[in-house]
Amino acid sequence: MKTIEIKAVSRDQFGKKSSNSLRSEGNVPCVMYGGKETLHFYAHENAFRGLVYTPEVYQVNLIIDGKSYNAVMKDLQFHPVSDRLQHIDFIEISENKPVIIELPIKITGESEGVKAGGKLKVKRRTLKVKGMINNLPEHLNIDITGLEIGMSIKIGDLSYDKLEIIDNKRAMIVAVATSRLAMKEEGAEAEGAEAPAAEATAAE
């Protein structure tokens, strides 16, 4: 897993007023759990661009007031209107303690079903796994070469060395549908998306 370094400053004032003051200056309030103590800190929003705005997952070398911590990003929040980054939760990690994290999926191969005219339907882009930090890959490969039309790959079909998959084993990851079925599903999804808008208009 790749590593990214972020320099931050510890916080000694908490609460909504303090957090809003930090955000008004372009900073992002953060919290790190999982260690001997919970740490509150902040850094400028630009420091997180390489961590947040990417499909990659990183191990983070957090340098808070000059002291280094190893962590992974657990959760983040954006402003509902401006979409600016508002808050990040981190989990402190160590080499002898397993971590639970979502890793990106990388589809490899060319499906026989797609070659025959089927359409590839990707249902998930990440998988939640548990493992030691040194055993975590940058992504999880899923080979779809053998998928024919009507076939799928579920989480329960997968296994990775030294990793435990935490997600529901019955959940589908990828499938190859006939072109007609794929068009029908897309039409149903579009109708479902339009229904709330119609209800809102009627309510007005």
C-alpha atoms as a PDB file:
ATOM      1  CA  MET A   1       0.000   0.000   0.000  1.00  0.00           C
ATOM      2  CA  LYS A   2       1.267   3.460  -0.900  1.00  0.00           C
ATOM      3  CA  THR A   3       2.028   6.008   1.808  1.00  0.00           C
ATOM      4  CA  ILE A   4       1.213   9.716   1.855  1.00  0.00           C
ATOM      5  CA  GLU A   5       2.551  12.264   4.356  1.00  0.00           C
ATOM      6  CA  ILE A   6       0.360  14.950   5.894  1.00  0.00           C
ATOM      7  CA  LYS A   7       1.559  17.585   8.353  1.00  0.00           C
ATOM      8  CA  ALA A   8      -0.980  18.786  10.908  1.00  0.00           C
ATOM      9  CA  VAL A   9      -1.384  20.846  14.077  1.00  0.00           C
ATOM     10  CA  SER A  10      -2.993  19.621  17.300  1.00  0.00           C
ATOM     11  CA  ARG A  11      -6.182  21.266  18.602  1.00  0.00           C
ATOM     12  CA  ASP A  12      -6.718  22.421  22.164  1.00  0.00           C
ATOM     13  CA  GLN A  13     -10.143  23.995  21.557  1.00  0.00           C
ATOM     14  CA  PHE A  14     -13.192  21.991  20.536  1.00  0.00           C
ATOM     15  CA  GLY A  15     -16.837  22.499  19.733  1.00  0.00           C
ATOM     16  CA  LYS A  16     -18.808  23.852  16.789  1.00  0.00           C
ATOM     17  CA  LYS A  17     -17.534  27.430  17.100  1.00  0.00           C
ATOM     18  CA  SER A  18     -13.892  26.342  17.067  1.00  0.00           C
ATOM     19  CA  SER A  19     -14.454  23.965  14.116  1.00  0.00           C
ATOM     20  CA  ASN A  20     -16.251  26.617  12.076  1.00  0.00           C
ATOM     21  CA  SER A  21     -13.439  29.069  12.763  1.00  0.00           C
ATOM     22  CA  LEU A  22     -10.900  26.569  11.427  1.00  0.00           C
ATOM     23  CA  ARG A  23     -12.999  25.900   8.329  1.00  0.00           C
ATOM     24  CA  SER A  24     -13.356  29.621   7.611  1.00  0.00           C
ATOM     25  CA  GLU A  25      -9.558  29.720   7.270  1.00  0.00           C
ATOM     26  CA  GLY A  26      -9.518  26.767   4.880  1.00  0.00           C
ATOM     27  CA  ASN A  27      -8.589  24.167   7.491  1.00  0.00           C
ATOM     28  CA  VAL A  28     -10.152  20.754   8.094  1.00  0.00           C
ATOM     29  CA  PRO A  29     -10.773  19.516  11.677  1.00  0.00           C
ATOM     30  CA  CYS A  30      -9.730  15.873  12.163  1.00  0.00           C
ATOM     31  CA  VAL A  31      -9.824  13.172  14.826  1.00  0.00           C
ATOM     32  CA  MET A  32      -7.664  10.051  15.137  1.00  0.00           C
ATOM     33  CA  TYR A  33      -8.885   7.034  17.100  1.00  0.00           C
ATOM     34  CA  GLY A  34      -7.386   3.636  17.878  1.00  0.00           C
ATOM     35  CA  GLY A  35      -4.250   4.655  19.738  1.00  0.00           C
ATOM     36  CA  LYS A  36      -3.494   5.208  23.398  1.00  0.00           C
ATOM     37  CA  GLU A  37      -5.476   8.439  23.236  1.00  0.00           C
ATOM     38  CA  THR A  38      -7.854  10.192  20.879  1.00  0.00           C
ATOM     39  CA  LEU A  39      -6.061  12.984  19.017  1.00  0.00           C
ATOM     40  CA  HIS A  40      -7.721  16.132  17.687  1.00  0.00           C
ATOM     41  CA  PHE A  41      -5.871  18.103  15.023  1.00  0.00           C
ATOM     42  CA  TYR A  42      -6.274  20.048  11.786  1.00  0.00           C
ATOM     43  CA  ALA A  43      -4.533  20.795   8.514  1.00  0.00           C
ATOM     44  CA  HIS A  44      -5.278  22.975   5.508  1.00  0.00           C
ATOM     45  CA  GLU A  45      -7.714  21.414   3.029  1.00  0.00           C
ATOM     46  CA  ASN A  46      -5.023  21.459   0.313  1.00  0.00           C
ATOM     47  CA  ALA A  47      -2.989  18.964   2.359  1.00  0.00           C
ATOM     48  CA  PHE A  48      -5.689  16.317   1.862  1.00  0.00           C
ATOM     49  CA  ARG A  49      -6.181  16.615  -1.908  1.00  0.00           C
ATOM     50  CA  GLY A  50      -3.888  13.688  -2.700  1.00  0.00           C
ATOM     51  CA  LEU A  51      -5.638  11.528  -0.099  1.00  0.00           C
ATOM     52  CA  VAL A  52      -9.320  12.354  -0.609  1.00  0.00           C
ATOM     53  CA  TYR A  53      -9.786  13.132  -4.307  1.00  0.00           C
ATOM     54  CA  THR A  54      -8.506   9.820  -5.660  1.00  0.00           C
ATOM     55  CA  PRO A  55      -9.762   6.233  -5.986  1.00  0.00           C
ATOM     56  CA  GLU A  56      -6.513   5.029  -4.403  1.00  0.00           C
ATOM     57  CA  VAL A  57      -6.260   4.046  -0.722  1.00  0.00           C
ATOM     58  CA  TYR A  58      -3.229   5.202   1.237  1.00  0.00           C
ATOM     59  CA  GLN A  59      -1.486   4.552   4.494  1.00  0.00           C
ATOM     60  CA  VAL A  60      -1.078   7.999   6.023  1.00  0.00           C
ATOM     61  CA  ASN A  61       2.024   9.218   7.797  1.00  0.00           C
ATOM     62  CA  LEU A  62       0.441  11.884  10.003  1.00  0.00           C
ATOM     63  CA  ILE A  63       2.940  14.323  11.465  1.00  0.00           C
ATOM     64  CA  ILE A  64       1.164  16.180  14.262  1.00  0.00           C
ATOM     65  CA  ASP A  65       3.246  18.870  15.953  1.00  0.00           C
ATOM     66  CA  GLY A  66       6.367  17.099  14.714  1.00  0.00           C
ATOM     67  CA  LYS A  67       5.386  13.633  16.035  1.00  0.00           C
ATOM     68  CA  SER A  68       4.723  10.864  13.511  1.00  0.00           C
ATOM     69  CA  TYR A  69       1.718   8.495  13.523  1.00  0.00           C
ATOM     70  CA  ASN A  70       0.703   5.760  11.090  1.00  0.00           C
ATOM     71  CA  ALA A  71      -2.983   5.876  10.180  1.00  0.00           C
ATOM     72  CA  VAL A  72      -5.636   5.166   7.575  1.00  0.00           C
ATOM     73  CA  MET A  73      -8.624   7.324   6.707  1.00  0.00           C
ATOM     74  CA  LYS A  74     -11.841   5.946   8.219  1.00  0.00           C
ATOM     75  CA  ASP A  75     -14.539   8.475   7.329  1.00  0.00           C
ATOM     76  CA  LEU A  76     -14.956  11.953   5.878  1.00  0.00           C
ATOM     77  CA  GLN A  77     -17.680  14.568   5.595  1.00  0.00           C
ATOM     78  CA  PHE A  78     -18.427  17.202   2.944  1.00  0.00           C
ATOM     79  CA  HIS A  79     -20.573  20.308   3.129  1.00  0.00           C
ATOM     80  CA  PRO A  80     -23.989  19.509   1.568  1.00  0.00           C
ATOM     81  CA  VAL A  81     -24.062  22.749  -0.467  1.00  0.00           C
ATOM     82  CA  SER A  82     -20.482  23.808  -1.189  1.00  0.00           C
ATOM     83  CA  ASP A  83     -19.123  20.224  -1.230  1.00  0.00           C
ATOM     84  CA  ARG A  84     -16.020  21.411   0.616  1.00  0.00           C
ATOM     85  CA  LEU A  85     -14.272  18.955   2.913  1.00  0.00           C
ATOM     86  CA  GLN A  86     -15.549  19.426   6.488  1.00  0.00           C
ATOM     87  CA  HIS A  87     -14.111  16.687   8.678  1.00  0.00           C
ATOM     88  CA  ILE A  88     -11.971  13.507   8.556  1.00  0.00           C
ATOM     89  CA  ASP A  89     -11.743  10.575  10.960  1.00  0.00           C
ATOM     90  CA  PHE A  90      -8.537   8.530  11.036  1.00  0.00           C
ATOM     91  CA  ILE A  91      -7.660   5.218  12.683  1.00  0.00           C
ATOM     92  CA  GLU A  92      -4.165   4.817  14.111  1.00  0.00           C
ATOM     93  CA  ILE A  93      -2.535   1.588  12.974  1.00  0.00           C
ATOM     94  CA  SER A  94       0.432  -0.588  13.929  1.00  0.00           C
ATOM     95  CA  GLU A  95       2.276  -3.481  12.308  1.00  0.00           C
ATOM     96  CA  ASN A  96       1.016  -6.023  14.893  1.00  0.00           C
ATOM     97  CA  LYS A  97      -2.648  -5.035  14.889  1.00  0.00           C
ATOM     98  CA  PRO A  98      -5.129  -5.845  12.064  1.00  0.00           C
ATOM     99  CA  VAL A  99      -7.041  -3.031  10.418  1.00  0.00           C
ATOM    100  CA  ILE A 100     -10.418  -2.959   8.674  1.00  0.00           C
ATOM    101  CA  ILE A 101     -10.423  -0.874   5.512  1.00  0.00           C
ATOM    102  CA  GLU A 102     -12.190  -0.520   2.167  1.00  0.00           C
ATOM    103  CA  LEU A 103      -9.939  -1.287  -0.789  1.00  0.00           C
ATOM    104  CA  PRO A 104     -10.696  -0.422  -4.422  1.00  0.00           C
ATOM    105  CA  ILE A 105     -11.589  -3.195  -6.860  1.00  0.00           C
ATOM    106  CA  LYS A 106      -9.675  -3.541 -10.127  1.00  0.00           C
ATOM    107  CA  ILE A 107     -11.464  -5.485 -12.877  1.00  0.00           C
ATOM    108  CA  THR A 108      -9.037  -7.456 -15.056  1.00  0.00           C
ATOM    109  CA  GLY A 109      -9.478  -9.577 -18.177  1.00  0.00           C
ATOM    110  CA  GLU A 110     -12.054  -9.428 -20.954  1.00  0.00           C
ATOM    111  CA  SER A 111     -15.312 -11.272 -20.349  1.00  0.00           C
ATOM    112  CA  GLU A 112     -16.367 -13.928 -22.864  1.00  0.00           C
ATOM    113  CA  GLY A 113     -19.952 -12.764 -22.331  1.00  0.00           C
ATOM    114  CA  VAL A 114     -19.084  -9.186 -23.243  1.00  0.00           C
ATOM    115  CA  LYS A 115     -17.345 -10.436 -26.385  1.00  0.00           C
ATOM    116  CA  ALA A 116     -20.586 -12.243 -27.267  1.00  0.00           C
ATOM    117  CA  GLY A 117     -22.618  -9.031 -26.987  1.00  0.00           C
ATOM    118  CA  GLY A 118     -23.455  -8.922 -23.278  1.00  0.00           C
ATOM    119  CA  LYS A 119     -23.073  -5.855 -21.092  1.00  0.00           C
ATOM    120  CA  LEU A 120     -20.848  -5.705 -18.031  1.00  0.00           C
ATOM    121  CA  LYS A 121     -22.635  -4.492 -14.894  1.00  0.00           C
ATOM    122  CA  VAL A 122     -20.308  -3.426 -12.050  1.00  0.00           C
ATOM    123  CA  LYS A 123     -22.228  -3.268  -8.770  1.00  0.00           C
ATOM    124  CA  ARG A 124     -19.393  -2.434  -6.370  1.00  0.00           C
ATOM    125  CA  ARG A 125     -16.191  -0.447  -6.579  1.00  0.00           C
ATOM    126  CA  THR A 126     -14.697  -1.334  -3.170  1.00  0.00           C
ATOM    127  CA  LEU A 127     -14.548  -4.226  -0.712  1.00  0.00           C
ATOM    128  CA  LYS A 128     -14.189  -4.047   3.062  1.00  0.00           C
ATOM    129  CA  VAL A 129     -11.361  -6.298   4.264  1.00  0.00           C
ATOM    130  CA  LYS A 130      -9.485  -7.055   7.470  1.00  0.00           C
ATOM    131  CA  GLY A 131      -5.762  -7.708   7.572  1.00  0.00           C
ATOM    132  CA  MET A 132      -2.368  -6.636   8.818  1.00  0.00           C
ATOM    133  CA  ILE A 133      -1.236  -3.347   7.349  1.00  0.00           C
ATOM    134  CA  ASN A 134       1.799  -4.920   5.669  1.00  0.00           C
ATOM    135  CA  ASN A 135      -0.466  -7.406   3.840  1.00  0.00           C
ATOM    136  CA  LEU A 136      -2.882  -4.840   2.396  1.00  0.00           C
ATOM    137  CA  PRO A 137      -2.550  -4.382  -1.391  1.00  0.00           C
ATOM    138  CA  GLU A 138      -3.227  -1.156  -3.276  1.00  0.00           C
ATOM    139  CA  HIS A 139      -6.294  -2.767  -4.878  1.00  0.00           C
ATOM    140  CA  LEU A 140      -8.111  -6.112  -5.169  1.00  0.00           C
ATOM    141  CA  ASN A 141      -7.942  -7.792  -8.564  1.00  0.00           C
ATOM    142  CA  ILE A 142     -11.045  -9.540  -9.930  1.00  0.00           C
ATOM    143  CA  ASP A 143     -10.571 -11.493 -13.162  1.00  0.00           C
ATOM    144  CA  ILE A 144     -13.733 -11.578 -15.294  1.00  0.00           C
ATOM    145  CA  THR A 145     -12.293 -13.537 -18.240  1.00  0.00           C
ATOM    146  CA  GLY A 146     -14.506 -16.590 -17.659  1.00  0.00           C
ATOM    147  CA  LEU A 147     -17.781 -14.704 -17.220  1.00  0.00           C
ATOM    148  CA  GLU A 148     -20.406 -15.707 -19.779  1.00  0.00           C
ATOM    149  CA  ILE A 149     -23.743 -13.959 -20.373  1.00  0.00           C
ATOM    150  CA  GLY A 150     -25.956 -14.473 -17.319  1.00  0.00           C
ATOM    151  CA  MET A 151     -23.019 -15.194 -14.993  1.00  0.00           C
ATOM    152  CA  SER A 152     -21.865 -13.095 -12.034  1.00  0.00           C
ATOM    153  CA  ILE A 153     -19.223 -12.883  -9.335  1.00  0.00           C
ATOM    154  CA  LYS A 154     -20.330 -12.502  -5.728  1.00  0.00           C
ATOM    155  CA  ILE A 155     -18.227 -11.608  -2.716  1.00  0.00           C
ATOM    156  CA  GLY A 156     -18.421 -15.193  -1.483  1.00  0.00           C
ATOM    157  CA  ASP A 157     -16.665 -16.325  -4.681  1.00  0.00           C
ATOM    158  CA  LEU A 158     -13.533 -14.367  -3.787  1.00  0.00           C
ATOM    159  CA  SER A 159     -10.587 -15.051  -1.527  1.00  0.00           C
ATOM    160  CA  TYR A 160      -7.313 -13.226  -0.998  1.00  0.00           C
ATOM    161  CA  ASP A 161      -4.183 -14.400   0.765  1.00  0.00           C
ATOM    162  CA  LYS A 162      -3.901 -13.134   4.358  1.00  0.00           C
ATOM    163  CA  LEU A 163      -7.062 -11.027   4.027  1.00  0.00           C
ATOM    164  CA  GLU A 164     -10.557 -11.559   5.452  1.00  0.00           C
ATOM    165  CA  ILE A 165     -13.456 -10.110   3.471  1.00  0.00           C
ATOM    166  CA  ILE A 166     -15.928  -8.443   5.849  1.00  0.00           C
ATOM    167  CA  ASP A 167     -18.734  -7.587   3.401  1.00  0.00           C
ATOM    168  CA  ASN A 168     -21.870  -9.695   2.844  1.00  0.00           C
ATOM    169  CA  LYS A 169     -20.774 -12.788   0.907  1.00  0.00           C
ATOM    170  CA  ARG A 170     -24.055 -12.892  -1.052  1.00  0.00           C
ATOM    171  CA  ALA A 171     -23.614  -9.378  -2.451  1.00  0.00           C
ATOM    172  CA  MET A 172     -22.914  -9.212  -6.181  1.00  0.00           C
ATOM    173  CA  ILE A 173     -19.834  -7.438  -7.471  1.00  0.00           C
ATOM    174  CA  VAL A 174     -20.010  -7.830 -11.228  1.00  0.00           C
ATOM    175  CA  ALA A 175     -22.280  -9.549 -13.745  1.00  0.00           C
ATOM    176  CA  VAL A 176     -22.713  -9.918 -17.489  1.00  0.00           C
ATOM    177  CA  ALA A 177     -26.286  -9.290 -18.640  1.00  0.00           C
ATOM    178  CA  THR A 178     -27.843  -9.570 -22.079  1.00  0.00           C
ATOM    179  CA  SER A 179     -28.064  -6.227 -23.832  1.00  0.00           C
ATOM    180  CA  ARG A 180     -31.885  -6.356 -23.631  1.00  0.00           C
ATOM    181  CA  LEU A 181     -31.858  -7.042 -19.858  1.00  0.00           C
ATOM    182  CA  ALA A 182     -29.286  -4.307 -19.251  1.00  0.00           C
ATOM    183  CA  MET A 183     -31.447  -1.776 -21.131  1.00  0.00           C
ATOM    184  CA  LYS A 184     -34.511  -2.838 -19.132  1.00  0.00           C
ATOM    185  CA  GLU A 185     -32.663  -2.412 -15.810  1.00  0.00           C
ATOM    186  CA  GLU A 186     -31.385   1.017 -16.823  1.00  0.00           C
ATOM    187  CA  GLY A 187     -34.921   2.067 -17.785  1.00  0.00           C
ATOM    188  CA  ALA A 188     -36.271   0.929 -14.422  1.00  0.00           C
ATOM    189  CA  GLU A 189     -33.508   2.845 -12.596  1.00  0.00           C
ATOM    190  CA  ALA A 190     -34.316   5.998 -14.580  1.00  0.00           C
ATOM    191  CA  GLU A 191     -38.024   5.706 -13.724  1.00  0.00           C
ATOM    192  CA  GLY A 192     -37.171   5.244 -10.062  1.00  0.00           C
ATOM    193  CA  ALA A 193     -35.024   8.375 -10.113  1.00  0.00           C
ATOM    194  CA  GLU A 194     -37.798  10.420 -11.750  1.00  0.00           C
ATOM    195  CA  ALA A 195     -40.521   9.345  -9.308  1.00  0.00           C
ATOM    196  CA  PRO A 196     -39.325  11.383  -6.276  1.00  0.00           C
ATOM    197  CA  ALA A 197     -39.000  14.479  -8.452  1.00  0.00           C
ATOM    198  CA  ALA A 198     -42.577  14.054  -9.661  1.00  0.00           C
ATOM    199  CA  GLU A 199     -43.825  13.630  -6.095  1.00  0.00           C
ATOM    200  CA  ALA A 200     -41.983  16.746  -4.989  1.00  0.00           C
ATOM    201  CA  THR A 201     -43.542  18.750  -7.816  1.00  0.00           C
ATOM    202  CA  ALA A 202     -47.020  17.495  -6.883  1.00  0.00           C
ATOM    203  CA  ALA A 203     -46.452  18.354  -3.233  1.00  0.00           C
ATOM    204  CA  GLU A 204     -45.593  21.919  -4.145  1.00  0.00           C
END
